[in-house]
Each structure stands twice: as structure tokens, then as C-alpha cells.
Amino acid sequence: MAFLAREIIKKKRDGESLTPEEITWLIQSYTKNEIPDYQMAAWAMAVFQNGMTTLEAANLTRAMQHSGEVVDLSFIEKPKIDKHSTGGVGDKTSMILGAIVAVNDVCVPMMAGRGLGHSGGTLDKLESIPGFNTQLSIEKFKQQLRELDHCIIGQTKNICPADKKLYALRDVTATIESIPLICASIMSKKLAEGIDGIVLDVKFGSGAFMKSKAKAKELAIALQAIGEENGKKVTAMLTSMNQVLGRYVGNAVEIWECLDILKDPSSHKKYEDTVHLSLALSAEMLRLAGRAKSYDDGYEIAKTSLTSGKAYERFEKVCFAQGGDLNKLPKPYDPFDVLSTKNGYVSSIDVEAIGIAGIQVQAGRKKIDDVIDPKSGFEVLVKVGDKVEVGQPIAKIFAKDKAATEIASDLLRHAFHMSPDTISTDALIAETIVSTRG
């Protein structure tokens, strides 16, 4: 059935709900280049201004999901559960939890993204492992899932082509922040993986896309509703990004942190927040998969899988299967100490500024085609609430370029705010919104 784009734009402009048929036609036509960008931009702005019902957003997600290839994993007769993070600084849990969950007879298919702006990307981190191939075909993706229950790849050109077009359009038309459009973008790609359920790590705070917990919760509730409307189990955790997660920020340096955690339980105190969040997300994934009776049960199962070395063995096998050589993981550049200029207690950290400093040393990218330097990055030595004295190192910079190091050191020095008094810290996991489907 044919529609007129103008009438669909007008309907949404006037605050009316669109039918599933109208949404499907719009997305299919735009994907085929039968609707011009200027009309789609007008529609996106109408959605931005007037929002969408949960049913509309679910239908939009479904239309985008089916705009290209949908991975069929029905041949795998076990639960298929993924995790998605809305992005942050030092966010490296995928490399840990995927292996933890996979060794407990759960299939963990992951299509991850690259870093852009201040937040890092899982693909960039994995590609710092020499030889690691994130661009597997869907057939090889399926084969590895059959053999190892875990695979991490980039989104292929045939998965959700509508999302690629619409995201690029939103980026230049001031409609990025629309909750329904964000949700459809995230969930369409995840549903196209062929999963049964997903745990969402929705971050808030200075290093997150959503700065306030209230906005993060709004996004989490919308994501959950859309996923469940499409028949999936969805749990969302609201987590604080008011501090860097763990100690290292970058690419190879974050893999080194993950390897420490996977191989050496004695390191877990050093990386307490990375370990806790990885176990917490794993616990909920195991619960959704039916491999744990409760969150607490799942946490203990995950902890045992980590401390026993089984998770490391699986991560090592995944790396090998995708061509990666962990023995050749590059060491970082020689460190440059960033020294505190004040006495006091760390009262807050501008985590976004730390992420931006990463771009200066090529640990991140301003544009999608910027080249990443896997050996660059930072080690953050203090957390909120820590006592600091003048001249004490608060961070280390690993960088090739002296001029970039100086710019980054200035950004880092100003990112740590001091107080004369002790201060309480936020809980890492602020709230969990449990799936209503089990």
C-alpha cells in the first residue's frame, strides 16, 4: 500500500499516532532512496517535538530491524542474551562479561560499535589486539557462536541499513536527542542479532550521554518497553558514569585491565568497580537466560566463573578464533605523570573532559575515519573521595606526541575537582529495572 510522505509528516506534526503500515512504508521507502532527506528530516523533527507512543516506537524499531538482514540463530537451542551499554569512559565490561556468561551455557552474540566523541568503542579496543578481526561474515559469526557461544563483531552493511541512514540524518538535523529515535536505533540493531533477551547498561553522569539519572531512567524505561513489545526479555541497570570505570582509558590499556581481571583474582581490589559491574551485568544476563534463580545467585555463579579462570580461557579462545594474538598486545607508551596542584579530597571528576583528552592523544576519534593509536591512553590514579596532596600523581598519560601530552595533561589536571572536606560517593549501580517477562 502506498502512502504520501507529506501526509505522514503532517500527521506526526499534529501529534497524531502513526499506524504500523505508515511507519513500515516510510522506513522501507527511505531505505530505498524513494523519500528525500528533506522530508525524512521534517518527519524526524516532528517526532522530536511530539514524541511517539510505545507501540509506535516498537513498530519503528521493527521496521528498522527488518530493513535489512535479520540474523537467524534458531539453530542454537539455548538462550541467546546480549548486553548493551549507552557508552562511557573506561567502559570495558563486554570483554569480561561475554566470556563469563558464555561458559555457563548461554549464547552471547554481540554486535558492537566504535568510539566517537568522548566515549570509547568496544571494536576499537578489541582491534588493539594484533590480528583480531571484528568484520566477520554473518556465516562465520554463526559458526563461532555454535562452537564457542560467544562472538563480538561490528555491524555489517546488511544489518539495519535504515538505521545508518537515519542516524546520519539525525546527526545533522538536531534530532539526535529524541528518545523514540534513540530507542529504535539501539533496539533495531540488537533485535537483528537474533537474541532472546538483553541487559541494558544505561549510564548517567558527567561521562555519559545522559547527564541526569532522571533522563537515563526515561531512556531505560522506553528501551525496555520497546524491547518487550517486540517479545524480548529486557532488564535495564542505571549506572553512574561520574567516575571513570576502572583505572585505564584507551584501547590496548583497557584490554590489559581486562586481562588482569580475567587472569588474576588478586587484581580485583585494584579494579573493584570494573569487576563489580561486570559481575552484576553477568548476573542479570544469567537470570534472564534461566541459568540463575535470582540476581544474587547469578552474581555468585559469575564470580566463580571469573575467579576459576574459566572466563579467561573462553576469552582467549574467542580471541584466537577471530585471529587475535594476545601475546602481541602492545604495551603503552612511557608514562607521563599528571600532578595535583591542590591539597584536598576529590569531590567530583569531569569524566567527559577525560574522554576528550583521550582524543588529543589519539585514544579516541573526532571523526569516524580518524586513526586510533592503540598504545595511547591514561591511567586514572584517584577516585572521588580520595585524599590528594600537591605534587601527587593523579593520572598517567601514555602518548607518542609531546604537544598532545601537554594538552591532555592540562585537560586532566582540570578534570579533578577538590574539596577541603571528605565527600560521599554515588553508588555505581543506582537502580535496576527488571524485565517483566522473566
Foldseek 3Di string as FASTA:
>chain_A
DDDDLVVLLVCLLVQHADDLVVLLNVLLCVLVVNDDLVSVLSSLVSCLVRNHDLVRLLSNLQSLLPSFAFQALVVLPAAEEEEAEQFFFLQALCLQLQLLLQVLVYQYEAAWDAFAALTGTNVLQLPLQPFFAQDDDSVLSSVCCVVQSYAYHHDDCRGRVSLVVSVVSCVPSVSNPRLSNVLSSVNSRVRSHVHQEYEYEQEEPLGGPHPDLVSSVVSQVSNLSSQVVVRHFYKYFYFYNQDRQAFWGFHLVSVVVSLCQQPPVVCCVNRVRSLVVSLQRSLQRCVSRVNAVDSVRSSVSSVCCRVVNSSVVSSVVNCVSSGGDNVPNDAAADKDFQWAQAWAFFATFNRSLQSNLCVLQQSGHNDPPRHRDRRWTKTAQDDGQDTHHGGDGGMITGHDDPVSVVVSSVSRNVRTDGDRDGDDDDDRTPDMGGTPVD
